[in-house]
PDB file of all heavy atoms in Angstrom:
ATOM      1  N   HIS A   1     -36.131  37.620 -56.579  1.00  0.00           N
ATOM      2  CA  HIS A   1     -36.986  37.285 -55.436  1.00  0.00           C
ATOM      3  C   HIS A   1     -36.156  36.805 -54.253  1.00  0.00           C
ATOM      4  O   HIS A   1     -36.537  36.989 -53.104  1.00  0.00           O
ATOM      5  CB  HIS A   1     -38.015  36.215 -55.822  1.00  0.00           C
ATOM      6  CG  HIS A   1     -37.505  34.815 -55.734  1.00  0.00           C
ATOM      7  ND1 HIS A   1     -36.774  34.216 -56.745  1.00  0.00           N
ATOM      8  CD2 HIS A   1     -37.571  33.895 -54.738  1.00  0.00           C
ATOM      9  CE1 HIS A   1     -36.431  32.989 -56.380  1.00  0.00           C
ATOM     10  NE2 HIS A   1     -36.910  32.760 -55.177  1.00  0.00           N
ATOM     11  N   ALA A   2     -35.020  36.177 -54.541  1.00  0.00           N
ATOM     12  CA  ALA A   2     -34.132  35.685 -53.484  1.00  0.00           C
ATOM     13  C   ALA A   2     -33.138  36.751 -53.040  1.00  0.00           C
ATOM     14  O   ALA A   2     -32.689  36.752 -51.885  1.00  0.00           O
ATOM     15  CB  ALA A   2     -33.387  34.446 -53.968  1.00  0.00           C
ATOM     16  N   ILE A   3     -32.794  37.672 -53.941  1.00  0.00           N
ATOM     17  CA  ILE A   3     -31.832  38.739 -53.618  1.00  0.00           C
ATOM     18  C   ILE A   3     -32.489  39.841 -52.797  1.00  0.00           C
ATOM     19  O   ILE A   3     -31.882  40.411 -51.891  1.00  0.00           O
ATOM     20  CB  ILE A   3     -31.245  39.330 -54.917  1.00  0.00           C
ATOM     21  CG1 ILE A   3     -30.486  38.258 -55.711  1.00  0.00           C
ATOM     22  CG2 ILE A   3     -30.334  40.528 -54.617  1.00  0.00           C
ATOM     23  CD1 ILE A   3     -30.069  38.714 -57.099  1.00  0.00           C
ATOM     24  N   GLY A   4     -33.749  40.152 -53.141  1.00  0.00           N
ATOM     25  CA  GLY A   4     -34.458  41.232 -52.464  1.00  0.00           C
ATOM     26  C   GLY A   4     -34.384  42.562 -53.173  1.00  0.00           C
ATOM     27  O   GLY A   4     -34.987  43.543 -52.737  1.00  0.00           O
ATOM     28  N   PHE A   5     -33.664  42.606 -54.291  1.00  0.00           N
ATOM     29  CA  PHE A   5     -33.548  43.819 -55.116  1.00  0.00           C
ATOM     30  C   PHE A   5     -33.689  43.416 -56.577  1.00  0.00           C
ATOM     31  O   PHE A   5     -33.259  42.333 -56.979  1.00  0.00           O
ATOM     32  CB  PHE A   5     -32.202  44.509 -54.891  1.00  0.00           C
ATOM     33  CG  PHE A   5     -31.961  44.926 -53.477  1.00  0.00           C
ATOM     34  CD1 PHE A   5     -31.091  44.205 -52.669  1.00  0.00           C
ATOM     35  CD2 PHE A   5     -32.608  46.028 -52.944  1.00  0.00           C
ATOM     36  CE1 PHE A   5     -30.859  44.580 -51.353  1.00  0.00           C
ATOM     37  CE2 PHE A   5     -32.382  46.418 -51.624  1.00  0.00           C
ATOM     38  CZ  PHE A   5     -31.514  45.680 -50.829  1.00  0.00           C
ATOM     39  N   THR A   6     -34.251  44.301 -57.375  1.00  0.00           N
ATOM     40  CA  THR A   6     -34.457  44.031 -58.784  1.00  0.00           C
ATOM     41  C   THR A   6     -33.549  44.901 -59.645  1.00  0.00           C
ATOM     42  O   THR A   6     -33.130  45.985 -59.226  1.00  0.00           O
ATOM     43  CB  THR A   6     -35.918  44.308 -59.194  1.00  0.00           C
ATOM     44  OG1 THR A   6     -36.244  45.681 -58.892  1.00  0.00           O
ATOM     45  CG2 THR A   6     -36.886  43.394 -58.463  1.00  0.00           C
ATOM     46  N   LYS A   7     -33.243  44.404 -60.838  1.00  0.00           N
ATOM     47  CA  LYS A   7     -32.560  45.247 -61.822  1.00  0.00           C
ATOM     48  C   LYS A   7     -33.456  46.438 -62.139  1.00  0.00           C
ATOM     49  O   LYS A   7     -34.672  46.261 -62.215  1.00  0.00           O
ATOM     50  CB  LYS A   7     -32.310  44.454 -63.114  1.00  0.00           C
ATOM     51  CG  LYS A   7     -31.428  43.245 -62.968  1.00  0.00           C
ATOM     52  CD  LYS A   7     -31.372  42.435 -64.282  1.00  0.00           C
ATOM     53  CE  LYS A   7     -32.708  41.819 -64.631  1.00  0.00           C
ATOM     54  NZ  LYS A   7     -32.669  41.004 -65.859  1.00  0.00           N
ATOM     55  N   PRO A   8     -32.942  47.627 -62.307  1.00  0.00           N
ATOM     56  CA  PRO A   8     -31.522  47.974 -62.451  1.00  0.00           C
ATOM     57  C   PRO A   8     -30.829  48.381 -61.156  1.00  0.00           C
ATOM     58  O   PRO A   8     -29.746  48.966 -61.211  1.00  0.00           O
ATOM     59  CB  PRO A   8     -31.577  49.152 -63.412  1.00  0.00           C
ATOM     60  CG  PRO A   8     -32.846  49.861 -63.011  1.00  0.00           C
ATOM     61  CD  PRO A   8     -33.819  48.758 -62.666  1.00  0.00           C
ATOM     62  N   ASP A   9     -31.414  48.084 -60.005  1.00  0.00           N
ATOM     63  CA  ASP A   9     -30.794  48.455 -58.723  1.00  0.00           C
ATOM     64  C   ASP A   9     -29.381  47.893 -58.659  1.00  0.00           C
ATOM     65  O   ASP A   9     -29.161  46.694 -58.852  1.00  0.00           O
ATOM     66  CB  ASP A   9     -31.639  47.893 -57.575  1.00  0.00           C
ATOM     67  CG  ASP A   9     -31.265  48.477 -56.224  1.00  0.00           C
ATOM     68  OD1 ASP A   9     -30.056  48.570 -55.927  1.00  0.00           O
ATOM     69  OD2 ASP A   9     -32.179  48.821 -55.452  1.00  0.00           O
ATOM     70  N   VAL A  10     -28.435  48.749 -58.369  1.00  0.00           N
ATOM     71  CA  VAL A  10     -27.038  48.342 -58.322  1.00  0.00           C
ATOM     72  C   VAL A  10     -26.810  47.235 -57.300  1.00  0.00           C
ATOM     73  O   VAL A  10     -25.898  46.404 -57.447  1.00  0.00           O
ATOM     74  CB  VAL A  10     -26.137  49.564 -58.045  1.00  0.00           C
ATOM     75  CG1 VAL A  10     -26.322  50.056 -56.618  1.00  0.00           C
ATOM     76  CG2 VAL A  10     -24.680  49.236 -58.321  1.00  0.00           C
ATOM     77  N   ARG A  11     -27.664  47.166 -56.275  1.00  0.00           N
ATOM     78  CA  ARG A  11     -27.500  46.142 -55.245  1.00  0.00           C
ATOM     79  C   ARG A  11     -27.766  44.734 -55.781  1.00  0.00           C
ATOM     80  O   ARG A  11     -27.174  43.770 -55.286  1.00  0.00           O
ATOM     81  CB  ARG A  11     -28.398  46.454 -54.055  1.00  0.00           C
ATOM     82  CG  ARG A  11     -27.946  47.684 -53.275  1.00  0.00           C
ATOM     83  CD  ARG A  11     -28.976  48.119 -52.266  1.00  0.00           C
ATOM     84  NE  ARG A  11     -30.163  48.673 -52.905  1.00  0.00           N
ATOM     85  CZ  ARG A  11     -31.176  49.235 -52.238  1.00  0.00           C
ATOM     86  NH1 ARG A  11     -31.128  49.317 -50.909  1.00  0.00           N
ATOM     87  NH2 ARG A  11     -32.218  49.721 -52.882  1.00  0.00           N
ATOM     88  N   ALA A  12     -28.609  44.611 -56.784  1.00  0.00           N
ATOM     89  CA  ALA A  12     -28.827  43.300 -57.395  1.00  0.00           C
ATOM     90  C   ALA A  12     -27.559  42.841 -58.108  1.00  0.00           C
ATOM     91  O   ALA A  12     -27.152  41.668 -57.997  1.00  0.00           O
ATOM     92  CB  ALA A  12     -29.994  43.370 -58.375  1.00  0.00           C
ATOM     93  N   PHE A  13     -26.929  43.755 -58.825  1.00  0.00           N
ATOM     94  CA  PHE A  13     -25.696  43.406 -59.540  1.00  0.00           C
ATOM     95  C   PHE A  13     -24.536  43.171 -58.566  1.00  0.00           C
ATOM     96  O   PHE A  13     -23.712  42.279 -58.784  1.00  0.00           O
ATOM     97  CB  PHE A  13     -25.345  44.507 -60.538  1.00  0.00           C
ATOM     98  CG  PHE A  13     -26.323  44.626 -61.661  1.00  0.00           C
ATOM     99  CD1 PHE A  13     -27.328  45.580 -61.630  1.00  0.00           C
ATOM    100  CD2 PHE A  13     -26.251  43.778 -62.760  1.00  0.00           C
ATOM    101  CE1 PHE A  13     -28.239  45.692 -62.670  1.00  0.00           C
ATOM    102  CE2 PHE A  13     -27.148  43.885 -63.796  1.00  0.00           C
ATOM    103  CZ  PHE A  13     -28.156  44.834 -63.757  1.00  0.00           C
ATOM    104  N   ARG A  14     -24.484  43.943 -57.498  1.00  0.00           N
ATOM    105  CA  ARG A  14     -23.434  43.750 -56.505  1.00  0.00           C
ATOM    106  C   ARG A  14     -23.555  42.370 -55.867  1.00  0.00           C
ATOM    107  O   ARG A  14     -22.550  41.703 -55.601  1.00  0.00           O
ATOM    108  CB  ARG A  14     -23.507  44.856 -55.445  1.00  0.00           C
ATOM    109  CG  ARG A  14     -22.575  44.669 -54.246  1.00  0.00           C
ATOM    110  CD  ARG A  14     -21.143  44.408 -54.635  1.00  0.00           C
ATOM    111  NE  ARG A  14     -20.526  45.541 -55.315  1.00  0.00           N
ATOM    112  CZ  ARG A  14     -19.339  45.483 -55.912  1.00  0.00           C
ATOM    113  NH1 ARG A  14     -18.662  44.342 -55.936  1.00  0.00           N
ATOM    114  NH2 ARG A  14     -18.838  46.537 -56.505  1.00  0.00           N
ATOM    115  N   HIS A  15     -24.768  41.924 -55.633  1.00  0.00           N
ATOM    116  CA  HIS A  15     -24.984  40.579 -55.087  1.00  0.00           C
ATOM    117  C   HIS A  15     -24.374  39.520 -56.001  1.00  0.00           C
ATOM    118  O   HIS A  15     -23.703  38.591 -55.538  1.00  0.00           O
ATOM    119  CB  HIS A  15     -26.484  40.319 -54.928  1.00  0.00           C
ATOM    120  CG  HIS A  15     -26.816  38.943 -54.458  1.00  0.00           C
ATOM    121  ND1 HIS A  15     -26.991  38.627 -53.132  1.00  0.00           N
ATOM    122  CD2 HIS A  15     -26.989  37.770 -55.142  1.00  0.00           C
ATOM    123  CE1 HIS A  15     -27.258  37.339 -53.017  1.00  0.00           C
ATOM    124  NE2 HIS A  15     -27.261  36.794 -54.218  1.00  0.00           N
ATOM    125  N   VAL A  16     -24.593  39.665 -57.301  1.00  0.00           N
ATOM    126  CA  VAL A  16     -24.047  38.702 -58.264  1.00  0.00           C
ATOM    127  C   VAL A  16     -22.528  38.724 -58.246  1.00  0.00           C
ATOM    128  O   VAL A  16     -21.868  37.670 -58.215  1.00  0.00           O
ATOM    129  CB  VAL A  16     -24.586  38.999 -59.677  1.00  0.00           C
ATOM    130  CG1 VAL A  16     -23.868  38.150 -60.721  1.00  0.00           C
ATOM    131  CG2 VAL A  16     -26.089  38.756 -59.730  1.00  0.00           C
ATOM    132  N   LEU A  17     -21.954  39.919 -58.274  1.00  0.00           N
ATOM    133  CA  LEU A  17     -20.491  40.027 -58.266  1.00  0.00           C
ATOM    134  C   LEU A  17     -19.892  39.394 -57.020  1.00  0.00           C
ATOM    135  O   LEU A  17     -18.905  38.648 -57.097  1.00  0.00           O
ATOM    136  CB  LEU A  17     -20.071  41.494 -58.360  1.00  0.00           C
ATOM    137  CG  LEU A  17     -20.380  42.216 -59.671  1.00  0.00           C
ATOM    138  CD1 LEU A  17     -19.953  43.671 -59.580  1.00  0.00           C
ATOM    139  CD2 LEU A  17     -19.699  41.542 -60.852  1.00  0.00           C
ATOM    140  N   ASP A  18     -20.488  39.674 -55.876  1.00  0.00           N
ATOM    141  CA  ASP A  18     -19.972  39.115 -54.636  1.00  0.00           C
ATOM    142  C   ASP A  18     -20.077  37.592 -54.634  1.00  0.00           C
ATOM    143  O   ASP A  18     -19.152  36.893 -54.189  1.00  0.00           O
ATOM    144  CB  ASP A  18     -20.719  39.696 -53.434  1.00  0.00           C
ATOM    145  CG  ASP A  18     -20.397  41.167 -53.190  1.00  0.00           C
ATOM    146  OD1 ASP A  18     -19.408  41.661 -53.774  1.00  0.00           O
ATOM    147  OD2 ASP A  18     -21.147  41.820 -52.438  1.00  0.00           O
ATOM    148  N   ALA A  19     -21.199  37.075 -55.117  1.00  0.00           N
ATOM    149  CA  ALA A  19     -21.397  35.625 -55.131  1.00  0.00           C
ATOM    150  C   ALA A  19     -20.416  34.927 -56.063  1.00  0.00           C
ATOM    151  O   ALA A  19     -19.970  33.806 -55.780  1.00  0.00           O
ATOM    152  CB  ALA A  19     -22.831  35.300 -55.543  1.00  0.00           C
ATOM    153  N   LEU A  20     -20.070  35.579 -57.162  1.00  0.00           N
ATOM    154  CA  LEU A  20     -19.165  34.978 -58.140  1.00  0.00           C
ATOM    155  C   LEU A  20     -17.702  35.331 -57.887  1.00  0.00           C
ATOM    156  O   LEU A  20     -16.815  34.786 -58.568  1.00  0.00           O
ATOM    157  CB  LEU A  20     -19.562  35.419 -59.556  1.00  0.00           C
ATOM    158  CG  LEU A  20     -20.944  34.972 -60.038  1.00  0.00           C
ATOM    159  CD1 LEU A  20     -21.233  35.545 -61.425  1.00  0.00           C
ATOM    160  CD2 LEU A  20     -21.076  33.445 -60.046  1.00  0.00           C
ATOM    161  N   GLY A  21     -17.451  36.241 -56.958  1.00  0.00           N
ATOM    162  CA  GLY A  21     -16.076  36.651 -56.680  1.00  0.00           C
ATOM    163  C   GLY A  21     -15.455  37.435 -57.806  1.00  0.00           C
ATOM    164  O   GLY A  21     -14.268  37.284 -58.112  1.00  0.00           O
ATOM    165  N   LEU A  22     -16.241  38.314 -58.411  1.00  0.00           N
ATOM    166  CA  LEU A  22     -15.784  39.083 -59.565  1.00  0.00           C
ATOM    167  C   LEU A  22     -15.934  40.576 -59.310  1.00  0.00           C
ATOM    168  O   LEU A  22     -16.673  41.006 -58.427  1.00  0.00           O
ATOM    169  CB  LEU A  22     -16.604  38.704 -60.806  1.00  0.00           C
ATOM    170  CG  LEU A  22     -16.473  37.260 -61.309  1.00  0.00           C
ATOM    171  CD1 LEU A  22     -17.551  36.962 -62.331  1.00  0.00           C
ATOM    172  CD2 LEU A  22     -15.085  37.024 -61.889  1.00  0.00           C
ATOM    173  N   GLU A  23     -15.235  41.364 -60.140  1.00  0.00           N
ATOM    174  CA  GLU A  23     -15.394  42.809 -60.156  1.00  0.00           C
ATOM    175  C   GLU A  23     -16.150  43.210 -61.419  1.00  0.00           C
ATOM    176  O   GLU A  23     -16.126  42.494 -62.420  1.00  0.00           O
ATOM    177  CB  GLU A  23     -14.030  43.504 -60.110  1.00  0.00           C
ATOM    178  CG  GLU A  23     -13.250  43.236 -58.829  1.00  0.00           C
ATOM    179  CD  GLU A  23     -13.960  43.750 -57.586  1.00  0.00           C
ATOM    180  OE1 GLU A  23     -14.661  44.780 -57.680  1.00  0.00           O
ATOM    181  OE2 GLU A  23     -13.834  43.114 -56.522  1.00  0.00           O
ATOM    182  N   GLY A  24     -16.802  44.373 -61.352  1.00  0.00           N
ATOM    183  CA  GLY A  24     -17.623  44.814 -62.471  1.00  0.00           C
ATOM    184  C   GLY A  24     -16.946  44.777 -63.827  1.00  0.00           C
ATOM    185  O   GLY A  24     -17.519  44.254 -64.797  1.00  0.00           O
ATOM    186  N   PRO A  25     -15.723  45.291 -63.970  1.00  0.00           N
ATOM    187  CA  PRO A  25     -15.085  45.311 -65.281  1.00  0.00           C
ATOM    188  C   PRO A  25     -14.756  43.928 -65.849  1.00  0.00           C
ATOM    189  O   PRO A  25     -14.409  43.818 -67.025  1.00  0.00           O
ATOM    190  CB  PRO A  25     -13.798  46.112 -65.021  1.00  0.00           C
ATOM    191  CG  PRO A  25     -14.136  46.993 -63.865  1.00  0.00           C
ATOM    192  CD  PRO A  25     -15.000  46.138 -62.995  1.00  0.00           C
ATOM    193  N   GLU A  26     -14.898  42.902 -65.034  1.00  0.00           N
ATOM    194  CA  GLU A  26     -14.651  41.540 -65.504  1.00  0.00           C
ATOM    195  C   GLU A  26     -15.891  40.886 -66.096  1.00  0.00           C
ATOM    196  O   GLU A  26     -15.838  39.747 -66.553  1.00  0.00           O
ATOM    197  CB  GLU A  26     -14.145  40.675 -64.339  1.00  0.00           C
ATOM    198  CG  GLU A  26     -12.823  41.128 -63.759  1.00  0.00           C
ATOM    199  CD  GLU A  26     -12.409  40.321 -62.553  1.00  0.00           C
ATOM    200  OE1 GLU A  26     -13.231  40.172 -61.618  1.00  0.00           O
ATOM    201  OE2 GLU A  26     -11.261  39.819 -62.545  1.00  0.00           O
ATOM    202  N   VAL A  27     -17.015  41.607 -66.099  1.00  0.00           N
ATOM    203  CA  VAL A  27     -18.296  41.012 -66.468  1.00  0.00           C
ATOM    204  C   VAL A  27     -18.933  41.742 -67.643  1.00  0.00           C
ATOM    205  O   VAL A  27     -18.967  42.968 -67.687  1.00  0.00           O
ATOM    206  CB  VAL A  27     -19.263  41.017 -65.262  1.00  0.00           C
ATOM    207  CG1 VAL A  27     -20.611  40.407 -65.649  1.00  0.00           C
ATOM    208  CG2 VAL A  27     -18.657  40.254 -64.092  1.00  0.00           C
ATOM    209  N   PHE A  28     -19.470  40.956 -68.570  1.00  0.00           N
ATOM    210  CA  PHE A  28     -20.271  41.444 -69.690  1.00  0.00           C
ATOM    211  C   PHE A  28     -21.719  41.080 -69.364  1.00  0.00           C
ATOM    212  O   PHE A  28     -22.016  39.925 -69.069  1.00  0.00           O
ATOM    213  CB  PHE A  28     -19.812  40.754 -70.973  1.00  0.00           C
ATOM    214  CG  PHE A  28     -20.545  41.178 -72.229  1.00  0.00           C
ATOM    215  CD1 PHE A  28     -19.912  41.983 -73.163  1.00  0.00           C
ATOM    216  CD2 PHE A  28     -21.834  40.742 -72.502  1.00  0.00           C
ATOM    217  CE1 PHE A  28     -20.559  42.350 -74.344  1.00  0.00           C
ATOM    218  CE2 PHE A  28     -22.495  41.110 -73.663  1.00  0.00           C
ATOM    219  CZ  PHE A  28     -21.850  41.922 -74.591  1.00  0.00           C
TER     220      PHE A  28
END
C-alpha cells in the first residue's frame, strides 16, 4: 500500500532492494 505496486510486480521487489541497498542475488 505504501510502495504502490504489489507482488509479483518486479517494481515491488526493486523497491525493497533499493531500500535495503542490496542486489537480487543477495536475497532469499
